[in-house]
Amino acid sequence: MEEVIIAMYERIYQVNSREEALLGLESLKRNWEKIYPELVESWRRDFSTLTTFLDYPEQISSSIYTINILERANRQIKRRTKIVDVFSYVKAIEKILYLTS
């Protein structure tokens, strides 16, 4: 499941225009809004900030999003959630996400 969500993120981050990123966001919404409504709402709310790299030429935009703090946060989340096979409830994972940020 984690791989699927990462693939959805890539549909937003590995694009050359805001329109393509919006298509990726719509795909994320369509596939995950019922399961992860907070995740989708967060992306919708912060979309313009998260896609600021698209305002720059392609030569430097890839550098901007790959060194983004989001990359570091994702690594921390993966590291901390990898040791837990099953989360007993949603608040448990939210607590881990809060503590890693």
PDB file of N, CA and C in Angstrom:
ATOM      1  N   MET A   1       0.820  -1.188   0.000  1.00  0.00           N
ATOM      2  CA  MET A   1       0.000   0.000   0.000  1.00  0.00           C
ATOM      3  C   MET A   1       0.868   1.257   0.000  1.00  0.00           C
ATOM      4  N   GLU A   2       1.948   1.256   0.759  1.00  0.00           N
ATOM      5  CA  GLU A   2       2.849   2.397   0.805  1.00  0.00           C
ATOM      6  C   GLU A   2       3.388   2.726  -0.589  1.00  0.00           C
ATOM      7  N   GLU A   3       3.700   1.697  -1.367  1.00  0.00           N
ATOM      8  CA  GLU A   3       4.217   1.902  -2.718  1.00  0.00           C
ATOM      9  C   GLU A   3       3.189   2.595  -3.608  1.00  0.00           C
ATOM     10  N   VAL A   4       1.918   2.272  -3.401  1.00  0.00           N
ATOM     11  CA  VAL A   4       0.854   2.874  -4.200  1.00  0.00           C
ATOM     12  C   VAL A   4       0.744   4.370  -3.894  1.00  0.00           C
ATOM     13  N   ILE A   5       0.801   4.712  -2.617  1.00  0.00           N
ATOM     14  CA  ILE A   5       0.721   6.130  -2.234  1.00  0.00           C
ATOM     15  C   ILE A   5       1.933   6.889  -2.755  1.00  0.00           C
ATOM     16  N   ILE A   6       3.100   6.294  -2.678  1.00  0.00           N
ATOM     17  CA  ILE A   6       4.303   6.938  -3.215  1.00  0.00           C
ATOM     18  C   ILE A   6       4.159   7.157  -4.713  1.00  0.00           C
ATOM     19  N   ALA A   7       3.608   6.190  -5.413  1.00  0.00           N
ATOM     20  CA  ALA A   7       3.374   6.351  -6.853  1.00  0.00           C
ATOM     21  C   ALA A   7       2.419   7.506  -7.117  1.00  0.00           C
ATOM     22  N   MET A   8       1.420   7.677  -6.267  1.00  0.00           N
ATOM     23  CA  MET A   8       0.494   8.809  -6.412  1.00  0.00           C
ATOM     24  C   MET A   8       1.228  10.129  -6.194  1.00  0.00           C
ATOM     25  N   TYR A   9       2.089  10.166  -5.201  1.00  0.00           N
ATOM     26  CA  TYR A   9       2.882  11.377  -4.964  1.00  0.00           C
ATOM     27  C   TYR A   9       3.743  11.704  -6.176  1.00  0.00           C
ATOM     28  N   GLU A  10       4.302  10.687  -6.777  1.00  0.00           N
ATOM     29  CA  GLU A  10       5.150  10.905  -7.948  1.00  0.00           C
ATOM     30  C   GLU A  10       4.369  11.499  -9.108  1.00  0.00           C
ATOM     31  N   ARG A  11       3.087  11.165  -9.198  1.00  0.00           N
ATOM     32  CA  ARG A  11       2.252  11.759 -10.241  1.00  0.00           C
ATOM     33  C   ARG A  11       2.081  13.261 -10.029  1.00  0.00           C
ATOM     34  N   ILE A  12       2.323  13.707  -8.822  1.00  0.00           N
ATOM     35  CA  ILE A  12       2.246  15.136  -8.535  1.00  0.00           C
ATOM     36  C   ILE A  12       3.630  15.772  -8.665  1.00  0.00           C
ATOM     37  N   TYR A  13       4.648  15.108  -8.140  1.00  0.00           N
ATOM     38  CA  TYR A  13       5.977  15.709  -8.101  1.00  0.00           C
ATOM     39  C   TYR A  13       6.798  15.546  -9.369  1.00  0.00           C
ATOM     40  N   GLN A  14       6.576  14.525 -10.130  1.00  0.00           N
ATOM     41  CA  GLN A  14       7.401  14.298 -11.319  1.00  0.00           C
ATOM     42  C   GLN A  14       6.684  14.773 -12.577  1.00  0.00           C
ATOM     43  N   VAL A  15       6.267  16.024 -12.543  1.00  0.00           N
ATOM     44  CA  VAL A  15       5.548  16.620 -13.670  1.00  0.00           C
ATOM     45  C   VAL A  15       6.224  17.927 -14.063  1.00  0.00           C
ATOM     46  N   ASN A  16       5.793  18.474 -15.180  1.00  0.00           N
ATOM     47  CA  ASN A  16       6.393  19.715 -15.664  1.00  0.00           C
ATOM     48  C   ASN A  16       5.455  20.910 -15.610  1.00  0.00           C
ATOM     49  N   SER A  17       4.221  20.696 -15.184  1.00  0.00           N
ATOM     50  CA  SER A  17       3.280  21.816 -15.134  1.00  0.00           C
ATOM     51  C   SER A  17       2.310  21.648 -13.974  1.00  0.00           C
ATOM     52  N   ARG A  18       1.730  22.751 -13.569  1.00  0.00           N
ATOM     53  CA  ARG A  18       0.749  22.741 -12.490  1.00  0.00           C
ATOM     54  C   ARG A  18      -0.501  21.949 -12.910  1.00  0.00           C
ATOM     55  N   GLU A  19      -0.848  21.998 -14.193  1.00  0.00           N
ATOM     56  CA  GLU A  19      -2.012  21.263 -14.682  1.00  0.00           C
ATOM     57  C   GLU A  19      -1.808  19.756 -14.511  1.00  0.00           C
ATOM     58  N   GLU A  20      -0.617  19.279 -14.826  1.00  0.00           N
ATOM     59  CA  GLU A  20      -0.312  17.858 -14.646  1.00  0.00           C
ATOM     60  C   GLU A  20      -0.344  17.488 -13.162  1.00  0.00           C
ATOM     61  N   ALA A  21       0.163  18.379 -12.330  1.00  0.00           N
ATOM     62  CA  ALA A  21       0.144  18.133 -10.888  1.00  0.00           C
ATOM     63  C   ALA A  21      -1.296  18.070 -10.380  1.00  0.00           C
ATOM     64  N   LEU A  22      -2.160  18.928 -10.907  1.00  0.00           N
ATOM     65  CA  LEU A  22      -3.572  18.894 -10.521  1.00  0.00           C
ATOM     66  C   LEU A  22      -4.229  17.572 -10.911  1.00  0.00           C
ATOM     67  N   LEU A  23      -3.838  17.045 -12.057  1.00  0.00           N
ATOM     68  CA  LEU A  23      -4.349  15.729 -12.464  1.00  0.00           C
ATOM     69  C   LEU A  23      -3.901  14.645 -11.473  1.00  0.00           C
ATOM     70  N   GLY A  24      -2.652  14.746 -11.034  1.00  0.00           N
ATOM     71  CA  GLY A  24      -2.148  13.814 -10.028  1.00  0.00           C
ATOM     72  C   GLY A  24      -2.889  13.946  -8.712  1.00  0.00           C
ATOM     73  N   LEU A  25      -3.203  15.190  -8.331  1.00  0.00           N
ATOM     74  CA  LEU A  25      -3.964  15.426  -7.108  1.00  0.00           C
ATOM     75  C   LEU A  25      -5.369  14.841  -7.221  1.00  0.00           C
ATOM     76  N   GLU A  26      -5.986  14.987  -8.371  1.00  0.00           N
ATOM     77  CA  GLU A  26      -7.319  14.414  -8.583  1.00  0.00           C
ATOM     78  C   GLU A  26      -7.273  12.890  -8.496  1.00  0.00           C
ATOM     79  N   SER A  27      -6.206  12.301  -9.021  1.00  0.00           N
ATOM     80  CA  SER A  27      -6.040  10.852  -8.933  1.00  0.00           C
ATOM     81  C   SER A  27      -5.885  10.420  -7.471  1.00  0.00           C
ATOM     82  N   LEU A  28      -5.081  11.172  -6.721  1.00  0.00           N
ATOM     83  CA  LEU A  28      -4.912  10.903  -5.297  1.00  0.00           C
ATOM     84  C   LEU A  28      -6.260  10.986  -4.589  1.00  0.00           C
ATOM     85  N   LYS A  29      -7.020  12.018  -4.891  1.00  0.00           N
ATOM     86  CA  LYS A  29      -8.335  12.210  -4.284  1.00  0.00           C
ATOM     87  C   LYS A  29      -9.270  11.043  -4.624  1.00  0.00           C
ATOM     88  N   ARG A  30      -9.336  10.707  -5.878  1.00  0.00           N
ATOM     89  CA  ARG A  30     -10.229   9.643  -6.347  1.00  0.00           C
ATOM     90  C   ARG A  30      -9.919   8.301  -5.662  1.00  0.00           C
ATOM     91  N   ASN A  31      -8.644   8.003  -5.508  1.00  0.00           N
ATOM     92  CA  ASN A  31      -8.246   6.694  -4.991  1.00  0.00           C
ATOM     93  C   ASN A  31      -8.170   6.599  -3.470  1.00  0.00           C
ATOM     94  N   TRP A  32      -7.933   7.712  -2.781  1.00  0.00           N
ATOM     95  CA  TRP A  32      -7.625   7.624  -1.351  1.00  0.00           C
ATOM     96  C   TRP A  32      -8.492   8.472  -0.428  1.00  0.00           C
ATOM     97  N   GLU A  33      -9.368   9.308  -0.965  1.00  0.00           N
ATOM     98  CA  GLU A  33     -10.121  10.209  -0.097  1.00  0.00           C
ATOM     99  C   GLU A  33     -11.001   9.466   0.917  1.00  0.00           C
ATOM    100  N   LYS A  34     -11.587   8.368   0.525  1.00  0.00           N
ATOM    101  CA  LYS A  34     -12.448   7.626   1.454  1.00  0.00           C
ATOM    102  C   LYS A  34     -11.642   6.956   2.560  1.00  0.00           C
ATOM    103  N   ILE A  35     -10.433   6.525   2.243  1.00  0.00           N
ATOM    104  CA  ILE A  35      -9.602   5.828   3.219  1.00  0.00           C
ATOM    105  C   ILE A  35      -8.799   6.814   4.075  1.00  0.00           C
ATOM    106  N   TYR A  36      -8.237   7.839   3.435  1.00  0.00           N
ATOM    107  CA  TYR A  36      -7.393   8.821   4.122  1.00  0.00           C
ATOM    108  C   TYR A  36      -7.885  10.241   3.851  1.00  0.00           C
ATOM    109  N   PRO A  37      -9.038  10.613   4.383  1.00  0.00           N
ATOM    110  CA  PRO A  37      -9.575  11.946   4.089  1.00  0.00           C
ATOM    111  C   PRO A  37      -8.669  13.082   4.566  1.00  0.00           C
ATOM    112  N   GLU A  38      -7.983  12.895   5.700  1.00  0.00           N
ATOM    113  CA  GLU A  38      -7.098  13.949   6.212  1.00  0.00           C
ATOM    114  C   GLU A  38      -5.915  14.179   5.275  1.00  0.00           C
ATOM    115  N   LEU A  39      -5.377  13.102   4.731  1.00  0.00           N
ATOM    116  CA  LEU A  39      -4.258  13.197   3.798  1.00  0.00           C
ATOM    117  C   LEU A  39      -4.659  13.992   2.562  1.00  0.00           C
ATOM    118  N   VAL A  40      -5.788  13.646   1.991  1.00  0.00           N
ATOM    119  CA  VAL A  40      -6.251  14.320   0.774  1.00  0.00           C
ATOM    120  C   VAL A  40      -6.580  15.782   1.059  1.00  0.00           C
ATOM    121  N   GLU A  41      -7.230  16.046   2.176  1.00  0.00           N
ATOM    122  CA  GLU A  41      -7.565  17.428   2.527  1.00  0.00           C
ATOM    123  C   GLU A  41      -6.302  18.255   2.736  1.00  0.00           C
ATOM    124  N   SER A  42      -5.305  17.670   3.358  1.00  0.00           N
ATOM    125  CA  SER A  42      -4.040  18.370   3.565  1.00  0.00           C
ATOM    126  C   SER A  42      -3.398  18.732   2.232  1.00  0.00           C
ATOM    127  N   TRP A  43      -3.399  17.792   1.288  1.00  0.00           N
ATOM    128  CA  TRP A  43      -2.838  18.055  -0.036  1.00  0.00           C
ATOM    129  C   TRP A  43      -3.619  19.139  -0.762  1.00  0.00           C
ATOM    130  N   ARG A  44      -4.943  19.071  -0.665  1.00  0.00           N
ATOM    131  CA  ARG A  44      -5.757  20.096  -1.330  1.00  0.00           C
ATOM    132  C   ARG A  44      -5.502  21.475  -0.732  1.00  0.00           C
ATOM    133  N   ARG A  45      -5.475  21.532   0.585  1.00  0.00           N
ATOM    134  CA  ARG A  45      -5.295  22.797   1.285  1.00  0.00           C
ATOM    135  C   ARG A  45      -3.930  23.426   0.969  1.00  0.00           C
ATOM    136  N   ASP A  46      -2.890  22.607   0.915  1.00  0.00           N
ATOM    137  CA  ASP A  46      -1.524  23.116   0.766  1.00  0.00           C
ATOM    138  C   ASP A  46      -0.946  22.922  -0.632  1.00  0.00           C
ATOM    139  N   PHE A  47      -1.786  22.628  -1.596  1.00  0.00           N
ATOM    140  CA  PHE A  47      -1.319  22.289  -2.938  1.00  0.00           C
ATOM    141  C   PHE A  47      -0.417  23.362  -3.539  1.00  0.00           C
ATOM    142  N   SER A  48      -0.804  24.624  -3.442  1.00  0.00           N
ATOM    143  CA  SER A  48       0.008  25.677  -4.066  1.00  0.00           C
ATOM    144  C   SER A  48       1.391  25.773  -3.408  1.00  0.00           C
ATOM    145  N   THR A  49       1.462  25.560  -2.117  1.00  0.00           N
ATOM    146  CA  THR A  49       2.754  25.595  -1.437  1.00  0.00           C
ATOM    147  C   THR A  49       3.588  24.372  -1.804  1.00  0.00           C
ATOM    148  N   LEU A  50       2.962  23.216  -1.836  1.00  0.00           N
ATOM    149  CA  LEU A  50       3.685  21.984  -2.135  1.00  0.00           C
ATOM    150  C   LEU A  50       4.183  21.905  -3.578  1.00  0.00           C
ATOM    151  N   THR A  51       3.588  22.694  -4.449  1.00  0.00           N
ATOM    152  CA  THR A  51       4.001  22.667  -5.856  1.00  0.00           C
ATOM    153  C   THR A  51       4.692  23.968  -6.281  1.00  0.00           C
ATOM    154  N   THR A  52       5.234  24.691  -5.326  1.00  0.00           N
ATOM    155  CA  THR A  52       5.957  25.928  -5.635  1.00  0.00           C
ATOM    156  C   THR A  52       7.102  25.677  -6.605  1.00  0.00           C
ATOM    157  N   PHE A  53       7.708  24.509  -6.534  1.00  0.00           N
ATOM    158  CA  PHE A  53       8.837  24.187  -7.410  1.00  0.00           C
ATOM    159  C   PHE A  53       8.457  24.307  -8.888  1.00  0.00           C
ATOM    160  N   LEU A  54       7.174  24.192  -9.212  1.00  0.00           N
ATOM    161  CA  LEU A  54       6.738  24.296 -10.607  1.00  0.00           C
ATOM    162  C   LEU A  54       6.805  25.725 -11.136  1.00  0.00           C
ATOM    163  N   ASP A  55       7.012  26.692 -10.255  1.00  0.00           N
ATOM    164  CA  ASP A  55       7.143  28.087 -10.673  1.00  0.00           C
ATOM    165  C   ASP A  55       8.533  28.389 -11.233  1.00  0.00           C
ATOM    166  N   TYR A  56       9.439  27.437 -11.115  1.00  0.00           N
ATOM    167  CA  TYR A  56      10.823  27.631 -11.544  1.00  0.00           C
ATOM    168  C   TYR A  56      11.121  26.815 -12.798  1.00  0.00           C
ATOM    169  N   PRO A  57      12.180  27.190 -13.509  1.00  0.00           N
ATOM    170  CA  PRO A  57      12.567  26.413 -14.701  1.00  0.00           C
ATOM    171  C   PRO A  57      12.861  24.955 -14.335  1.00  0.00           C
ATOM    172  N   GLU A  58      12.618  24.077 -15.265  1.00  0.00           N
ATOM    173  CA  GLU A  58      12.773  22.642 -15.025  1.00  0.00           C
ATOM    174  C   GLU A  58      14.179  22.272 -14.530  1.00  0.00           C
ATOM    175  N   GLN A  59      15.192  23.005 -15.006  1.00  0.00           N
ATOM    176  CA  GLN A  59      16.566  22.688 -14.619  1.00  0.00           C
ATOM    177  C   GLN A  59      16.772  22.781 -13.105  1.00  0.00           C
ATOM    178  N   ILE A  60      16.086  23.696 -12.449  1.00  0.00           N
ATOM    179  CA  ILE A  60      16.275  23.811 -10.998  1.00  0.00           C
ATOM    180  C   ILE A  60      15.090  23.300 -10.193  1.00  0.00           C
ATOM    181  N   SER A  61      13.935  23.141 -10.812  1.00  0.00           N
ATOM    182  CA  SER A  61      12.761  22.696 -10.049  1.00  0.00           C
ATOM    183  C   SER A  61      12.961  21.307  -9.462  1.00  0.00           C
ATOM    184  N   SER A  62      13.639  20.419 -10.197  1.00  0.00           N
ATOM    185  CA  SER A  62      13.865  19.076  -9.652  1.00  0.00           C
ATOM    186  C   SER A  62      14.762  19.124  -8.423  1.00  0.00           C
ATOM    187  N   SER A  63      15.700  20.041  -8.394  1.00  0.00           N
ATOM    188  CA  SER A  63      16.551  20.194  -7.211  1.00  0.00           C
ATOM    189  C   SER A  63      15.756  20.702  -6.025  1.00  0.00           C
ATOM    190  N   ILE A  64      14.810  21.561  -6.297  1.00  0.00           N
ATOM    191  CA  ILE A  64      14.008  22.128  -5.210  1.00  0.00           C
ATOM    192  C   ILE A  64      13.170  21.050  -4.541  1.00  0.00           C
ATOM    193  N   TYR A  65      12.448  20.242  -5.318  1.00  0.00           N
ATOM    194  CA  TYR A  65      11.575  19.274  -4.663  1.00  0.00           C
ATOM    195  C   TYR A  65      12.326  18.074  -4.111  1.00  0.00           C
ATOM    196  N   THR A  66      13.492  17.755  -4.618  1.00  0.00           N
ATOM    197  CA  THR A  66      14.198  16.596  -4.082  1.00  0.00           C
ATOM    198  C   THR A  66      14.949  16.911  -2.802  1.00  0.00           C
ATOM    199  N   ILE A  67      15.260  18.165  -2.557  1.00  0.00           N
ATOM    200  CA  ILE A  67      15.923  18.509  -1.305  1.00  0.00           C
ATOM    201  C   ILE A  67      14.939  19.110  -0.315  1.00  0.00           C
ATOM    202  N   ASN A  68      13.682  19.014  -0.639  1.00  0.00           N
ATOM    203  CA  ASN A  68      12.620  19.564   0.181  1.00  0.00           C
ATOM    204  C   ASN A  68      12.572  18.884   1.542  1.00  0.00           C
ATOM    205  N   ILE A  69      12.117  19.613   2.529  1.00  0.00           N
ATOM    206  CA  ILE A  69      11.967  19.056   3.877  1.00  0.00           C
ATOM    207  C   ILE A  69      10.972  17.898   3.890  1.00  0.00           C
ATOM    208  N   LEU A  70      10.072  17.885   2.920  1.00  0.00           N
ATOM    209  CA  LEU A  70       9.111  16.791   2.817  1.00  0.00           C
ATOM    210  C   LEU A  70       9.824  15.459   2.605  1.00  0.00           C
ATOM    211  N   GLU A  71      10.882  15.468   1.822  1.00  0.00           N
ATOM    212  CA  GLU A  71      11.657  14.243   1.606  1.00  0.00           C
ATOM    213  C   GLU A  71      12.212  13.722   2.929  1.00  0.00           C
ATOM    214  N   ARG A  72      12.762  14.616   3.721  1.00  0.00           N
ATOM    215  CA  ARG A  72      13.317  14.225   5.013  1.00  0.00           C
ATOM    216  C   ARG A  72      12.223  13.689   5.925  1.00  0.00           C
ATOM    217  N   ALA A  73      11.081  14.368   5.944  1.00  0.00           N
ATOM    218  CA  ALA A  73       9.970  13.922   6.786  1.00  0.00           C
ATOM    219  C   ALA A  73       9.491  12.540   6.361  1.00  0.00           C
ATOM    220  N   ASN A  74       9.406  12.306   5.065  1.00  0.00           N
ATOM    221  CA  ASN A  74       8.978  10.991   4.576  1.00  0.00           C
ATOM    222  C   ASN A  74       9.944   9.895   5.011  1.00  0.00           C
ATOM    223  N   ARG A  75      11.244  10.180   4.971  1.00  0.00           N
ATOM    224  CA  ARG A  75      12.229   9.192   5.425  1.00  0.00           C
ATOM    225  C   ARG A  75      12.050   8.881   6.905  1.00  0.00           C
ATOM    226  N   GLN A  76      11.820   9.917   7.703  1.00  0.00           N
ATOM    227  CA  GLN A  76      11.619   9.718   9.140  1.00  0.00           C
ATOM    228  C   GLN A  76      10.355   8.893   9.408  1.00  0.00           C
ATOM    229  N   ILE A  77       9.299   9.207   8.691  1.00  0.00           N
ATOM    230  CA  ILE A  77       8.046   8.477   8.880  1.00  0.00           C
ATOM    231  C   ILE A  77       8.226   7.012   8.506  1.00  0.00           C
ATOM    232  N   LYS A  78       8.861   6.757   7.373  1.00  0.00           N
ATOM    233  CA  LYS A  78       9.111   5.374   6.953  1.00  0.00           C
ATOM    234  C   LYS A  78       9.919   4.625   8.014  1.00  0.00           C
ATOM    235  N   ARG A  79      10.957   5.283   8.515  1.00  0.00           N
ATOM    236  CA  ARG A  79      11.828   4.654   9.500  1.00  0.00           C
ATOM    237  C   ARG A  79      11.062   4.291  10.768  1.00  0.00           C
ATOM    238  N   ARG A  80      10.211   5.191  11.207  1.00  0.00           N
ATOM    239  CA  ARG A  80       9.482   4.965  12.458  1.00  0.00           C
ATOM    240  C   ARG A  80       8.300   4.003  12.300  1.00  0.00           C
ATOM    241  N   THR A  81       7.669   3.986  11.142  1.00  0.00           N
ATOM    242  CA  THR A  81       6.516   3.101  10.961  1.00  0.00           C
ATOM    243  C   THR A  81       6.916   1.711  10.479  1.00  0.00           C
ATOM    244  N   LYS A  82       8.125   1.565   9.990  1.00  0.00           N
ATOM    245  CA  LYS A  82       8.586   0.270   9.482  1.00  0.00           C
ATOM    246  C   LYS A  82       8.619  -0.787  10.592  1.00  0.00           C
ATOM    247  N   ILE A  83       8.896  -0.376  11.807  1.00  0.00           N
ATOM    248  CA  ILE A  83       9.016  -1.330  12.907  1.00  0.00           C
ATOM    249  C   ILE A  83       7.664  -1.787  13.453  1.00  0.00           C
ATOM    250  N   VAL A  84       6.584  -1.127  13.021  1.00  0.00           N
ATOM    251  CA  VAL A  84       5.247  -1.484  13.487  1.00  0.00           C
ATOM    252  C   VAL A  84       4.501  -2.171  12.340  1.00  0.00           C
ATOM    253  N   ASP A  85       4.078  -3.411  12.570  1.00  0.00           N
ATOM    254  CA  ASP A  85       3.369  -4.146  11.524  1.00  0.00           C
ATOM    255  C   ASP A  85       1.941  -3.656  11.333  1.00  0.00           C
ATOM    256  N   VAL A  86       1.247  -3.421  12.435  1.00  0.00           N
ATOM    257  CA  VAL A  86      -0.155  -3.037  12.378  1.00  0.00           C
ATOM    258  C   VAL A  86      -0.398  -1.927  13.390  1.00  0.00           C
ATOM    259  N   PHE A  87      -1.094  -0.902  12.957  1.00  0.00           N
ATOM    260  CA  PHE A  87      -1.485   0.160  13.872  1.00  0.00           C
ATOM    261  C   PHE A  87      -2.885  -0.137  14.372  1.00  0.00           C
ATOM    262  N   SER A  88      -3.066  -0.069  15.675  1.00  0.00           N
ATOM    263  CA  SER A  88      -4.348  -0.447  16.259  1.00  0.00           C
ATOM    264  C   SER A  88      -5.459   0.548  15.945  1.00  0.00           C
ATOM    265  N   TYR A  89      -5.108   1.798  15.746  1.00  0.00           N
ATOM    266  CA  TYR A  89      -6.106   2.797  15.409  1.00  0.00           C
ATOM    267  C   TYR A  89      -5.423   3.984  14.739  1.00  0.00           C
ATOM    268  N   VAL A  90      -6.192   4.821  14.078  1.00  0.00           N
ATOM    269  CA  VAL A  90      -5.660   5.932  13.293  1.00  0.00           C
ATOM    270  C   VAL A  90      -4.867   6.902  14.162  1.00  0.00           C
ATOM    271  N   LYS A  91      -5.318   7.155  15.366  1.00  0.00           N
ATOM    272  CA  LYS A  91      -4.632   8.092  16.258  1.00  0.00           C
ATOM    273  C   LYS A  91      -3.194   7.639  16.546  1.00  0.00           C
ATOM    274  N   ALA A  92      -2.956   6.349  16.527  1.00  0.00           N
ATOM    275  CA  ALA A  92      -1.604   5.840  16.785  1.00  0.00           C
ATOM    276  C   ALA A  92      -0.635   6.308  15.708  1.00  0.00           C
ATOM    277  N   ILE A  93      -1.033   6.209  14.465  1.00  0.00           N
ATOM    278  CA  ILE A  93      -0.142   6.658  13.387  1.00  0.00           C
ATOM    279  C   ILE A  93      -0.064   8.181  13.362  1.00  0.00           C
ATOM    280  N   GLU A  94      -1.165   8.854  13.677  1.00  0.00           N
ATOM    281  CA  GLU A  94      -1.124  10.323  13.741  1.00  0.00           C
ATOM    282  C   GLU A  94      -0.140  10.784  14.810  1.00  0.00           C
ATOM    283  N   LYS A  95      -0.088  10.074  15.914  1.00  0.00           N
ATOM    284  CA  LYS A  95       0.844  10.408  16.998  1.00  0.00           C
ATOM    285  C   LYS A  95       2.288  10.256  16.510  1.00  0.00           C
ATOM    286  N   ILE A  96       2.571   9.174  15.788  1.00  0.00           N
ATOM    287  CA  ILE A  96       3.915   8.975  15.254  1.00  0.00           C
ATOM    288  C   ILE A  96       4.261  10.073  14.268  1.00  0.00           C
ATOM    289  N   LEU A  97       3.307  10.425  13.398  1.00  0.00           N
ATOM    290  CA  LEU A  97       3.549  11.486  12.420  1.00  0.00           C
ATOM    291  C   LEU A  97       3.818  12.810  13.119  1.00  0.00           C
ATOM    292  N   TYR A  98       3.062  13.086  14.159  1.00  0.00           N
ATOM    293  CA  TYR A  98       3.263  14.331  14.911  1.00  0.00           C
ATOM    294  C   TYR A  98       4.630  14.344  15.585  1.00  0.00           C
ATOM    295  N   LEU A  99       5.021  13.246  16.169  1.00  0.00           N
ATOM    296  CA  LEU A  99       6.293  13.188  16.881  1.00  0.00           C
ATOM    297  C   LEU A  99       7.502  13.242  15.947  1.00  0.00           C
ATOM    298  N   THR A 100       7.342  12.836  14.691  1.00  0.00           N
ATOM    299  CA  THR A 100       8.473  12.872  13.765  1.00  0.00           C
ATOM    300  C   THR A 100       8.630  14.224  13.114  1.00  0.00           C
ATOM    301  N   SER A 101       7.624  15.073  13.183  1.00  0.00           N
ATOM    302  CA  SER A 101       7.717  16.381  12.520  1.00  0.00           C
ATOM    303  C   SER A 101       8.176  17.476  13.435  1.00  0.00           C
TER     304      SER A 101
END
